[in-house]
ModelCIF file with pLDDT and N, C-alpha, C, O atoms, coordinates in Angstrom:
data_MODEL
#
_entry.id   MODEL 
#
_entity.id                         1 
_entity.type                       polymer 
_entity.pdbx_number_of_molecules   1 
#
_entity_poly.entity_id                      1 
_entity_poly.type                           'polypeptide(L)' 
_entity_poly.nstd_linkage                   no 
_entity_poly.nstd_monomer                   no 
_entity_poly.pdbx_seq_one_letter_code       GTFAGFDIENTSLVSADILNGLTIRTYLNGVLRETKSGLNDLISVST 
_entity_poly.pdbx_seq_one_letter_code_can   GTFAGFDIENTSLVSADILNGLTIRTYLNGVLRETKSGLNDLISVST 
_entity_poly.pdbx_strand_id                 A 
#
loop_
_entity_poly_seq.entity_id 
_entity_poly_seq.num 
_entity_poly_seq.mon_id 
_entity_poly_seq.hetero 
1 1  GLY n 
1 2  THR n 
1 3  PHE n 
1 4  ALA n 
1 5  GLY n 
1 6  PHE n 
1 7  ASP n 
1 8  ILE n 
1 9  GLU n 
1 10 ASN n 
1 11 THR n 
1 12 SER n 
1 13 LEU n 
1 14 VAL n 
1 15 SER n 
1 16 ALA n 
1 17 ASP n 
1 18 ILE n 
1 19 LEU n 
1 20 ASN n 
1 21 GLY n 
1 22 LEU n 
1 23 THR n 
1 24 ILE n 
1 25 ARG n 
1 26 THR n 
1 27 TYR n 
1 28 LEU n 
1 29 ASN n 
1 30 GLY n 
1 31 VAL n 
1 32 LEU n 
1 33 ARG n 
1 34 GLU n 
1 35 THR n 
1 36 LYS n 
1 37 SER n 
1 38 GLY n 
1 39 LEU n 
1 40 ASN n 
1 41 ASP n 
1 42 LEU n 
1 43 ILE n 
1 44 SER n 
1 45 VAL n 
1 46 SER n 
1 47 THR n 
#
_struct_asym.id          A 
_struct_asym.entity_id   1 
#
loop_
_ma_qa_metric.id 
_ma_qa_metric.mode 
_ma_qa_metric.name 
_ma_qa_metric.software_group_id 
_ma_qa_metric.type 
1 global pLDDT . pLDDT 
2 local  pLDDT . pLDDT 
#
_ma_qa_metric_global.metric_id      1 
_ma_qa_metric_global.metric_value   84.53 
_ma_qa_metric_global.model_id       1 
_ma_qa_metric_global.ordinal_id     1 
#
loop_
_ma_qa_metric_local.label_asym_id 
_ma_qa_metric_local.label_comp_id 
_ma_qa_metric_local.label_seq_id 
_ma_qa_metric_local.metric_id 
_ma_qa_metric_local.metric_value 
_ma_qa_metric_local.model_id 
_ma_qa_metric_local.ordinal_id 
A GLY 1  2 95.00 1 1  
A THR 2  2 96.00 1 2  
A PHE 3  2 95.00 1 3  
A ALA 4  2 96.00 1 4  
A GLY 5  2 96.00 1 5  
A PHE 6  2 95.00 1 6  
A ASP 7  2 93.00 1 7  
A ILE 8  2 92.00 1 8  
A GLU 9  2 89.00 1 9  
A ASN 10 2 82.00 1 10 
A THR 11 2 69.00 1 11 
A SER 12 2 69.00 1 12 
A LEU 13 2 66.00 1 13 
A VAL 14 2 63.00 1 14 
A SER 15 2 63.00 1 15 
A ALA 16 2 67.00 1 16 
A ASP 17 2 68.00 1 17 
A ILE 18 2 72.00 1 18 
A LEU 19 2 75.00 1 19 
A ASN 20 2 78.00 1 20 
A GLY 21 2 81.00 1 21 
A LEU 22 2 88.00 1 22 
A THR 23 2 93.00 1 23 
A ILE 24 2 96.00 1 24 
A ARG 25 2 97.00 1 25 
A THR 26 2 98.00 1 26 
A TYR 27 2 98.00 1 27 
A LEU 28 2 97.00 1 28 
A ASN 29 2 95.00 1 29 
A GLY 30 2 94.00 1 30 
A VAL 31 2 97.00 1 31 
A LEU 32 2 97.00 1 32 
A ARG 33 2 98.00 1 33 
A GLU 34 2 97.00 1 34 
A THR 35 2 97.00 1 35 
A LYS 36 2 95.00 1 36 
A SER 37 2 91.00 1 37 
A GLY 38 2 85.00 1 38 
A LEU 39 2 79.00 1 39 
A ASN 40 2 82.00 1 40 
A ASP 41 2 89.00 1 41 
A LEU 42 2 87.00 1 42 
A ILE 43 2 83.00 1 43 
A SER 44 2 71.00 1 44 
A VAL 45 2 63.00 1 45 
A SER 46 2 55.00 1 46 
A THR 47 2 51.00 1 47 
#
loop_
_atom_site.group_PDB 
_atom_site.id 
_atom_site.type_symbol 
_atom_site.label_atom_id 
_atom_site.label_alt_id 
_atom_site.label_comp_id 
_atom_site.label_asym_id 
_atom_site.label_entity_id 
_atom_site.label_seq_id 
_atom_site.pdbx_PDB_ins_code 
_atom_site.Cartn_x 
_atom_site.Cartn_y 
_atom_site.Cartn_z 
_atom_site.occupancy 
_atom_site.B_iso_or_equiv 
_atom_site.pdbx_formal_charge 
_atom_site.auth_seq_id 
_atom_site.auth_comp_id 
_atom_site.auth_asym_id 
_atom_site.auth_atom_id 
_atom_site.pdbx_PDB_model_num 
ATOM 1   N N  . GLY A 1 1  ? 0.768  -1.009  0.069   1.00 95.00 ? 1  GLY A N  1 
ATOM 2   C CA . GLY A 1 1  ? 0.211  0.013   -0.228  1.00 95.00 ? 1  GLY A CA 1 
ATOM 3   C C  . GLY A 1 1  ? 1.131  1.196   -0.130  1.00 95.00 ? 1  GLY A C  1 
ATOM 4   O O  . GLY A 1 1  ? 0.642  2.297   -0.384  1.00 95.00 ? 1  GLY A O  1 
ATOM 5   N N  . THR A 1 2  ? 2.323  1.121   0.183   1.00 96.00 ? 2  THR A N  1 
ATOM 6   C CA . THR A 1 2  ? 3.047  2.280   -0.060  1.00 96.00 ? 2  THR A CA 1 
ATOM 7   C C  . THR A 1 2  ? 3.244  2.631   -1.633  1.00 96.00 ? 2  THR A C  1 
ATOM 8   O O  . THR A 1 2  ? 3.309  1.757   -2.497  1.00 96.00 ? 2  THR A O  1 
ATOM 9   N N  . PHE A 1 3  ? 3.310  3.675   -1.829  1.00 95.00 ? 3  PHE A N  1 
ATOM 10  C CA . PHE A 1 3  ? 3.811  4.434   -2.777  1.00 95.00 ? 3  PHE A CA 1 
ATOM 11  C C  . PHE A 1 3  ? 5.686  4.147   -2.802  1.00 95.00 ? 3  PHE A C  1 
ATOM 12  O O  . PHE A 1 3  ? 6.590  4.424   -2.013  1.00 95.00 ? 3  PHE A O  1 
ATOM 13  N N  . ALA A 1 4  ? 5.620  3.420   -4.221  1.00 96.00 ? 4  ALA A N  1 
ATOM 14  C CA . ALA A 1 4  ? 7.095  3.506   -4.397  1.00 96.00 ? 4  ALA A CA 1 
ATOM 15  C C  . ALA A 1 4  ? 7.814  4.099   -5.809  1.00 96.00 ? 4  ALA A C  1 
ATOM 16  O O  . ALA A 1 4  ? 7.513  3.705   -6.936  1.00 96.00 ? 4  ALA A O  1 
ATOM 17  N N  . GLY A 1 5  ? 8.619  4.917   -5.567  1.00 96.00 ? 5  GLY A N  1 
ATOM 18  C CA . GLY A 1 5  ? 8.811  5.397   -6.860  1.00 96.00 ? 5  GLY A CA 1 
ATOM 19  C C  . GLY A 1 5  ? 9.841  6.305   -7.167  1.00 96.00 ? 5  GLY A C  1 
ATOM 20  O O  . GLY A 1 5  ? 10.410 6.589   -6.114  1.00 96.00 ? 5  GLY A O  1 
ATOM 21  N N  . PHE A 1 6  ? 10.399 6.957   -8.234  1.00 95.00 ? 6  PHE A N  1 
ATOM 22  C CA . PHE A 1 6  ? 11.482 7.955   -8.177  1.00 95.00 ? 6  PHE A CA 1 
ATOM 23  C C  . PHE A 1 6  ? 11.304 9.366   -8.360  1.00 95.00 ? 6  PHE A C  1 
ATOM 24  O O  . PHE A 1 6  ? 10.157 9.666   -8.688  1.00 95.00 ? 6  PHE A O  1 
ATOM 25  N N  . ASP A 1 7  ? 12.038 10.231  -8.252  1.00 93.00 ? 7  ASP A N  1 
ATOM 26  C CA . ASP A 1 7  ? 12.531 11.823  -9.145  1.00 93.00 ? 7  ASP A CA 1 
ATOM 27  C C  . ASP A 1 7  ? 13.253 11.402  -10.081 1.00 93.00 ? 7  ASP A C  1 
ATOM 28  O O  . ASP A 1 7  ? 14.318 10.787  -10.126 1.00 93.00 ? 7  ASP A O  1 
ATOM 29  N N  . ILE A 1 8  ? 12.639 11.753  -10.729 1.00 92.00 ? 8  ILE A N  1 
ATOM 30  C CA . ILE A 1 8  ? 13.098 11.559  -12.292 1.00 92.00 ? 8  ILE A CA 1 
ATOM 31  C C  . ILE A 1 8  ? 13.140 13.021  -13.190 1.00 92.00 ? 8  ILE A C  1 
ATOM 32  O O  . ILE A 1 8  ? 12.261 13.844  -12.932 1.00 92.00 ? 8  ILE A O  1 
ATOM 33  N N  . GLU A 1 9  ? 14.118 13.336  -14.202 1.00 89.00 ? 9  GLU A N  1 
ATOM 34  C CA . GLU A 1 9  ? 13.964 14.554  -14.724 1.00 89.00 ? 9  GLU A CA 1 
ATOM 35  C C  . GLU A 1 9  ? 14.581 14.186  -16.302 1.00 89.00 ? 9  GLU A C  1 
ATOM 36  O O  . GLU A 1 9  ? 15.601 13.529  -16.510 1.00 89.00 ? 9  GLU A O  1 
ATOM 37  N N  . ASN A 1 10 ? 13.770 14.733  -17.245 1.00 82.00 ? 10 ASN A N  1 
ATOM 38  C CA . ASN A 1 10 ? 14.213 14.698  -18.699 1.00 82.00 ? 10 ASN A CA 1 
ATOM 39  C C  . ASN A 1 10 ? 13.585 15.638  -19.441 1.00 82.00 ? 10 ASN A C  1 
ATOM 40  O O  . ASN A 1 10 ? 12.401 15.650  -19.777 1.00 82.00 ? 10 ASN A O  1 
ATOM 41  N N  . THR A 1 11 ? 14.458 16.446  -19.687 1.00 69.00 ? 11 THR A N  1 
ATOM 42  C CA . THR A 1 11 ? 13.894 17.853  -20.175 1.00 69.00 ? 11 THR A CA 1 
ATOM 43  C C  . THR A 1 11 ? 13.321 17.435  -21.609 1.00 69.00 ? 11 THR A C  1 
ATOM 44  O O  . THR A 1 11 ? 12.201 17.878  -21.864 1.00 69.00 ? 11 THR A O  1 
ATOM 45  N N  . SER A 1 12 ? 13.905 16.687  -22.525 1.00 69.00 ? 12 SER A N  1 
ATOM 46  C CA . SER A 1 12 ? 13.582 16.644  -23.825 1.00 69.00 ? 12 SER A CA 1 
ATOM 47  C C  . SER A 1 12 ? 12.436 15.753  -24.395 1.00 69.00 ? 12 SER A C  1 
ATOM 48  O O  . SER A 1 12 ? 12.161 15.688  -25.593 1.00 69.00 ? 12 SER A O  1 
ATOM 49  N N  . LEU A 1 13 ? 11.792 15.065  -23.388 1.00 66.00 ? 13 LEU A N  1 
ATOM 50  C CA . LEU A 1 13 ? 10.674 14.179  -22.870 1.00 66.00 ? 13 LEU A CA 1 
ATOM 51  C C  . LEU A 1 13 ? 9.593  14.628  -21.927 1.00 66.00 ? 13 LEU A C  1 
ATOM 52  O O  . LEU A 1 13 ? 9.624  15.136  -20.806 1.00 66.00 ? 13 LEU A O  1 
ATOM 53  N N  . VAL A 1 14 ? 8.189  14.117  -23.112 1.00 63.00 ? 14 VAL A N  1 
ATOM 54  C CA . VAL A 1 14 ? 7.061  14.699  -21.593 1.00 63.00 ? 14 VAL A CA 1 
ATOM 55  C C  . VAL A 1 14 ? 7.221  13.119  -21.218 1.00 63.00 ? 14 VAL A C  1 
ATOM 56  O O  . VAL A 1 14 ? 7.993  12.236  -21.593 1.00 63.00 ? 14 VAL A O  1 
ATOM 57  N N  . SER A 1 15 ? 6.074  13.181  -20.256 1.00 63.00 ? 15 SER A N  1 
ATOM 58  C CA . SER A 1 15 ? 5.587  12.214  -18.966 1.00 63.00 ? 15 SER A CA 1 
ATOM 59  C C  . SER A 1 15 ? 5.230  11.273  -20.056 1.00 63.00 ? 15 SER A C  1 
ATOM 60  O O  . SER A 1 15 ? 5.931  10.307  -19.754 1.00 63.00 ? 15 SER A O  1 
ATOM 61  N N  . ALA A 1 16 ? 4.755  11.027  -20.849 1.00 67.00 ? 16 ALA A N  1 
ATOM 62  C CA . ALA A 1 16 ? 4.148  9.950   -21.476 1.00 67.00 ? 16 ALA A CA 1 
ATOM 63  C C  . ALA A 1 16 ? 5.340  9.605   -22.356 1.00 67.00 ? 16 ALA A C  1 
ATOM 64  O O  . ALA A 1 16 ? 5.215  8.411   -22.627 1.00 67.00 ? 16 ALA A O  1 
ATOM 65  N N  . ASP A 1 17 ? 6.368  10.060  -22.893 1.00 68.00 ? 17 ASP A N  1 
ATOM 66  C CA . ASP A 1 17 ? 7.124  9.220   -23.671 1.00 68.00 ? 17 ASP A CA 1 
ATOM 67  C C  . ASP A 1 17 ? 8.229  8.207   -22.210 1.00 68.00 ? 17 ASP A C  1 
ATOM 68  O O  . ASP A 1 17 ? 8.577  7.027   -22.224 1.00 68.00 ? 17 ASP A O  1 
ATOM 69  N N  . ILE A 1 18 ? 8.489  9.278   -21.146 1.00 72.00 ? 18 ILE A N  1 
ATOM 70  C CA . ILE A 1 18 ? 9.163  8.808   -19.972 1.00 72.00 ? 18 ILE A CA 1 
ATOM 71  C C  . ILE A 1 18 ? 8.942  7.391   -19.736 1.00 72.00 ? 18 ILE A C  1 
ATOM 72  O O  . ILE A 1 18 ? 9.762  6.485   -19.588 1.00 72.00 ? 18 ILE A O  1 
ATOM 73  N N  . LEU A 1 19 ? 7.226  7.374   -19.729 1.00 75.00 ? 19 LEU A N  1 
ATOM 74  C CA . LEU A 1 19 ? 6.657  6.296   -18.994 1.00 75.00 ? 19 LEU A CA 1 
ATOM 75  C C  . LEU A 1 19 ? 6.786  5.045   -19.923 1.00 75.00 ? 19 LEU A C  1 
ATOM 76  O O  . LEU A 1 19 ? 6.908  3.947   -19.382 1.00 75.00 ? 19 LEU A O  1 
ATOM 77  N N  . ASN A 1 20 ? 6.766  5.138   -21.270 1.00 78.00 ? 20 ASN A N  1 
ATOM 78  C CA . ASN A 1 20 ? 6.254  3.784   -22.148 1.00 78.00 ? 20 ASN A CA 1 
ATOM 79  C C  . ASN A 1 20 ? 7.841  3.347   -22.115 1.00 78.00 ? 20 ASN A C  1 
ATOM 80  O O  . ASN A 1 20 ? 7.995  2.233   -22.616 1.00 78.00 ? 20 ASN A O  1 
ATOM 81  N N  . GLY A 1 21 ? 9.325  4.090   -21.544 1.00 81.00 ? 21 GLY A N  1 
ATOM 82  C CA . GLY A 1 21 ? 10.406 3.264   -21.727 1.00 81.00 ? 21 GLY A CA 1 
ATOM 83  C C  . GLY A 1 21 ? 11.101 2.858   -20.230 1.00 81.00 ? 21 GLY A C  1 
ATOM 84  O O  . GLY A 1 21 ? 12.310 2.669   -20.101 1.00 81.00 ? 21 GLY A O  1 
ATOM 85  N N  . LEU A 1 22 ? 9.964  2.745   -18.954 1.00 88.00 ? 22 LEU A N  1 
ATOM 86  C CA . LEU A 1 22 ? 10.331 3.137   -17.944 1.00 88.00 ? 22 LEU A CA 1 
ATOM 87  C C  . LEU A 1 22 ? 9.330  1.480   -16.794 1.00 88.00 ? 22 LEU A C  1 
ATOM 88  O O  . LEU A 1 22 ? 8.133  1.261   -16.612 1.00 88.00 ? 22 LEU A O  1 
ATOM 89  N N  . THR A 1 23 ? 10.047 1.051   -16.524 1.00 93.00 ? 23 THR A N  1 
ATOM 90  C CA . THR A 1 23 ? 10.180 -0.339  -15.465 1.00 93.00 ? 23 THR A CA 1 
ATOM 91  C C  . THR A 1 23 ? 10.397 0.070   -13.861 1.00 93.00 ? 23 THR A C  1 
ATOM 92  O O  . THR A 1 23 ? 11.535 0.467   -13.611 1.00 93.00 ? 23 THR A O  1 
ATOM 93  N N  . ILE A 1 24 ? 9.523  0.030   -12.811 1.00 96.00 ? 24 ILE A N  1 
ATOM 94  C CA . ILE A 1 24 ? 9.391  -0.136  -11.590 1.00 96.00 ? 24 ILE A CA 1 
ATOM 95  C C  . ILE A 1 24 ? 9.453  -1.651  -11.210 1.00 96.00 ? 24 ILE A C  1 
ATOM 96  O O  . ILE A 1 24 ? 8.579  -2.486  -11.443 1.00 96.00 ? 24 ILE A O  1 
ATOM 97  N N  . ARG A 1 25 ? 10.821 -1.878  -10.491 1.00 97.00 ? 25 ARG A N  1 
ATOM 98  C CA . ARG A 1 25 ? 10.211 -3.247  -9.668  1.00 97.00 ? 25 ARG A CA 1 
ATOM 99  C C  . ARG A 1 25 ? 10.940 -3.090  -7.793  1.00 97.00 ? 25 ARG A C  1 
ATOM 100 O O  . ARG A 1 25 ? 11.874 -2.488  -7.263  1.00 97.00 ? 25 ARG A O  1 
ATOM 101 N N  . THR A 1 26 ? 9.903  -3.975  -7.373  1.00 98.00 ? 26 THR A N  1 
ATOM 102 C CA . THR A 1 26 ? 10.649 -4.064  -5.801  1.00 98.00 ? 26 THR A CA 1 
ATOM 103 C C  . THR A 1 26 ? 10.810 -5.416  -5.653  1.00 98.00 ? 26 THR A C  1 
ATOM 104 O O  . THR A 1 26 ? 10.332 -6.372  -6.264  1.00 98.00 ? 26 THR A O  1 
ATOM 105 N N  . TYR A 1 27 ? 11.857 -5.290  -4.380  1.00 98.00 ? 27 TYR A N  1 
ATOM 106 C CA . TYR A 1 27 ? 11.941 -7.053  -3.765  1.00 98.00 ? 27 TYR A CA 1 
ATOM 107 C C  . TYR A 1 27 ? 11.973 -6.589  -2.259  1.00 98.00 ? 27 TYR A C  1 
ATOM 108 O O  . TYR A 1 27 ? 11.781 -5.603  -1.547  1.00 98.00 ? 27 TYR A O  1 
ATOM 109 N N  . LEU A 1 28 ? 12.258 -7.633  -2.229  1.00 97.00 ? 28 LEU A N  1 
ATOM 110 C CA . LEU A 1 28 ? 12.180 -7.769  -0.385  1.00 97.00 ? 28 LEU A CA 1 
ATOM 111 C C  . LEU A 1 28 ? 13.296 -9.092  -0.427  1.00 97.00 ? 28 LEU A C  1 
ATOM 112 O O  . LEU A 1 28 ? 13.134 -10.132 -1.066  1.00 97.00 ? 28 LEU A O  1 
ATOM 113 N N  . ASN A 1 29 ? 14.617 -8.695  0.548   1.00 95.00 ? 29 ASN A N  1 
ATOM 114 C CA . ASN A 1 29 ? 15.528 -9.816  0.714   1.00 95.00 ? 29 ASN A CA 1 
ATOM 115 C C  . ASN A 1 29 ? 15.942 -10.500 -0.079  1.00 95.00 ? 29 ASN A C  1 
ATOM 116 O O  . ASN A 1 29 ? 16.287 -11.661 0.138   1.00 95.00 ? 29 ASN A O  1 
ATOM 117 N N  . GLY A 1 30 ? 16.032 -9.549  -1.891  1.00 94.00 ? 30 GLY A N  1 
ATOM 118 C CA . GLY A 1 30 ? 16.560 -10.125 -2.870  1.00 94.00 ? 30 GLY A CA 1 
ATOM 119 C C  . GLY A 1 30 ? 15.465 -10.539 -3.470  1.00 94.00 ? 30 GLY A C  1 
ATOM 120 O O  . GLY A 1 30 ? 15.607 -10.114 -4.617  1.00 94.00 ? 30 GLY A O  1 
ATOM 121 N N  . VAL A 1 31 ? 14.471 -11.094 -3.419  1.00 97.00 ? 31 VAL A N  1 
ATOM 122 C CA . VAL A 1 31 ? 13.495 -11.335 -4.212  1.00 97.00 ? 31 VAL A CA 1 
ATOM 123 C C  . VAL A 1 31 ? 12.796 -10.692 -4.777  1.00 97.00 ? 31 VAL A C  1 
ATOM 124 O O  . VAL A 1 31 ? 12.105 -9.866  -4.180  1.00 97.00 ? 31 VAL A O  1 
ATOM 125 N N  . LEU A 1 32 ? 12.733 -10.852 -6.154  1.00 97.00 ? 32 LEU A N  1 
ATOM 126 C CA . LEU A 1 32 ? 11.176 -9.612  -7.141  1.00 97.00 ? 32 LEU A CA 1 
ATOM 127 C C  . LEU A 1 32 ? 10.104 -9.609  -6.358  1.00 97.00 ? 32 LEU A C  1 
ATOM 128 O O  . LEU A 1 32 ? 9.612  -10.733 -6.261  1.00 97.00 ? 32 LEU A O  1 
ATOM 129 N N  . ARG A 1 33 ? 9.453  -8.631  -5.656  1.00 98.00 ? 33 ARG A N  1 
ATOM 130 C CA . ARG A 1 33 ? 8.084  -8.841  -5.903  1.00 98.00 ? 33 ARG A CA 1 
ATOM 131 C C  . ARG A 1 33 ? 7.196  -8.078  -6.656  1.00 98.00 ? 33 ARG A C  1 
ATOM 132 O O  . ARG A 1 33 ? 6.262  -8.853  -6.866  1.00 98.00 ? 33 ARG A O  1 
ATOM 133 N N  . GLU A 1 34 ? 6.986  -7.208  -7.088  1.00 97.00 ? 34 GLU A N  1 
ATOM 134 C CA . GLU A 1 34 ? 6.262  -6.715  -7.773  1.00 97.00 ? 34 GLU A CA 1 
ATOM 135 C C  . GLU A 1 34 ? 6.873  -6.073  -8.906  1.00 97.00 ? 34 GLU A C  1 
ATOM 136 O O  . GLU A 1 34 ? 7.865  -5.379  -8.681  1.00 97.00 ? 34 GLU A O  1 
ATOM 137 N N  . THR A 1 35 ? 6.251  -6.241  -10.653 1.00 97.00 ? 35 THR A N  1 
ATOM 138 C CA . THR A 1 35 ? 6.681  -5.474  -11.483 1.00 97.00 ? 35 THR A CA 1 
ATOM 139 C C  . THR A 1 35 ? 5.960  -3.996  -12.128 1.00 97.00 ? 35 THR A C  1 
ATOM 140 O O  . THR A 1 35 ? 4.737  -4.054  -11.998 1.00 97.00 ? 35 THR A O  1 
ATOM 141 N N  . LYS A 1 36 ? 6.304  -3.038  -12.614 1.00 95.00 ? 36 LYS A N  1 
ATOM 142 C CA . LYS A 1 36 ? 4.853  -2.187  -13.366 1.00 95.00 ? 36 LYS A CA 1 
ATOM 143 C C  . LYS A 1 36 ? 5.960  -1.539  -14.172 1.00 95.00 ? 36 LYS A C  1 
ATOM 144 O O  . LYS A 1 36 ? 7.118  -1.168  -13.979 1.00 95.00 ? 36 LYS A O  1 
ATOM 145 N N  . SER A 1 37 ? 4.910  -1.575  -15.358 1.00 91.00 ? 37 SER A N  1 
ATOM 146 C CA . SER A 1 37 ? 5.817  -0.964  -16.570 1.00 91.00 ? 37 SER A CA 1 
ATOM 147 C C  . SER A 1 37 ? 4.805  0.020   -17.594 1.00 91.00 ? 37 SER A C  1 
ATOM 148 O O  . SER A 1 37 ? 3.596  -0.099  -17.796 1.00 91.00 ? 37 SER A O  1 
ATOM 149 N N  . GLY A 1 38 ? 5.626  0.874   -18.068 1.00 85.00 ? 38 GLY A N  1 
ATOM 150 C CA . GLY A 1 38 ? 4.852  1.655   -19.288 1.00 85.00 ? 38 GLY A CA 1 
ATOM 151 C C  . GLY A 1 38 ? 3.659  2.879   -18.557 1.00 85.00 ? 38 GLY A C  1 
ATOM 152 O O  . GLY A 1 38 ? 3.748  3.445   -17.467 1.00 85.00 ? 38 GLY A O  1 
ATOM 153 N N  . LEU A 1 39 ? 2.543  3.008   -19.643 1.00 79.00 ? 39 LEU A N  1 
ATOM 154 C CA . LEU A 1 39 ? 1.739  4.353   -19.043 1.00 79.00 ? 39 LEU A CA 1 
ATOM 155 C C  . LEU A 1 39 ? 0.235  3.531   -18.526 1.00 79.00 ? 39 LEU A C  1 
ATOM 156 O O  . LEU A 1 39 ? -0.788 4.087   -18.126 1.00 79.00 ? 39 LEU A O  1 
ATOM 157 N N  . ASN A 1 40 ? 0.583  1.433   -18.742 1.00 82.00 ? 40 ASN A N  1 
ATOM 158 C CA . ASN A 1 40 ? -1.119 1.576   -17.662 1.00 82.00 ? 40 ASN A CA 1 
ATOM 159 C C  . ASN A 1 40 ? -0.876 1.257   -16.243 1.00 82.00 ? 40 ASN A C  1 
ATOM 160 O O  . ASN A 1 40 ? -1.596 1.263   -15.245 1.00 82.00 ? 40 ASN A O  1 
ATOM 161 N N  . ASP A 1 41 ? 0.711  0.898   -16.525 1.00 89.00 ? 41 ASP A N  1 
ATOM 162 C CA . ASP A 1 41 ? 0.735  0.726   -14.845 1.00 89.00 ? 41 ASP A CA 1 
ATOM 163 C C  . ASP A 1 41 ? 1.695  1.842   -13.888 1.00 89.00 ? 41 ASP A C  1 
ATOM 164 O O  . ASP A 1 41 ? 1.728  1.613   -12.679 1.00 89.00 ? 41 ASP A O  1 
ATOM 165 N N  . LEU A 1 42 ? 2.179  2.592   -14.221 1.00 87.00 ? 42 LEU A N  1 
ATOM 166 C CA . LEU A 1 42 ? 2.874  4.214   -13.217 1.00 87.00 ? 42 LEU A CA 1 
ATOM 167 C C  . LEU A 1 42 ? 2.105  5.002   -13.309 1.00 87.00 ? 42 LEU A C  1 
ATOM 168 O O  . LEU A 1 42 ? 1.207  5.050   -14.150 1.00 87.00 ? 42 LEU A O  1 
ATOM 169 N N  . ILE A 1 43 ? 2.437  6.116   -12.045 1.00 83.00 ? 43 ILE A N  1 
ATOM 170 C CA . ILE A 1 43 ? 1.513  6.891   -12.121 1.00 83.00 ? 43 ILE A CA 1 
ATOM 171 C C  . ILE A 1 43 ? 2.630  7.999   -12.467 1.00 83.00 ? 43 ILE A C  1 
ATOM 172 O O  . ILE A 1 43 ? 3.650  7.858   -11.793 1.00 83.00 ? 43 ILE A O  1 
ATOM 173 N N  . SER A 1 44 ? 2.641  8.650   -13.019 1.00 71.00 ? 44 SER A N  1 
ATOM 174 C CA . SER A 1 44 ? 3.270  9.963   -12.981 1.00 71.00 ? 44 SER A CA 1 
ATOM 175 C C  . SER A 1 44 ? 2.681  11.510  -12.622 1.00 71.00 ? 44 SER A C  1 
ATOM 176 O O  . SER A 1 44 ? 2.065  12.259  -13.381 1.00 71.00 ? 44 SER A O  1 
ATOM 177 N N  . VAL A 1 45 ? 3.096  11.754  -11.131 1.00 63.00 ? 45 VAL A N  1 
ATOM 178 C CA . VAL A 1 45 ? 2.665  13.088  -10.608 1.00 63.00 ? 45 VAL A CA 1 
ATOM 179 C C  . VAL A 1 45 ? 3.478  14.208  -10.347 1.00 63.00 ? 45 VAL A C  1 
ATOM 180 O O  . VAL A 1 45 ? 4.624  13.984  -9.959  1.00 63.00 ? 45 VAL A O  1 
ATOM 181 N N  . SER A 1 46 ? 3.089  15.413  -10.489 1.00 55.00 ? 46 SER A N  1 
ATOM 182 C CA . SER A 1 46 ? 4.026  16.565  -9.765  1.00 55.00 ? 46 SER A CA 1 
ATOM 183 C C  . SER A 1 46 ? 3.860  16.159  -8.105  1.00 55.00 ? 46 SER A C  1 
ATOM 184 O O  . SER A 1 46 ? 3.092  15.450  -7.455  1.00 55.00 ? 46 SER A O  1 
ATOM 185 N N  . THR A 1 47 ? 5.115  17.092  -7.793  1.00 51.00 ? 47 THR A N  1 
ATOM 186 C CA . THR A 1 47 ? 4.590  16.552  -5.968  1.00 51.00 ? 47 THR A CA 1 
ATOM 187 C C  . THR A 1 47 ? 5.540  17.661  -5.314  1.00 51.00 ? 47 THR A C  1 
ATOM 188 O O  . THR A 1 47 ? 5.603  17.776  -4.090  1.00 51.00 ? 47 THR A O  1 
#
């Protein structure tokens, strides 16, 4: 239930373009837990 992500910047691309090539994964004790990729899975927010 915790949001997990990264604060990133790519001045040449808009958010949608970045999401197309982006994957974020979580691990616990070295074991893969979840994988989310692209426009359908990731949230791009201003904070």
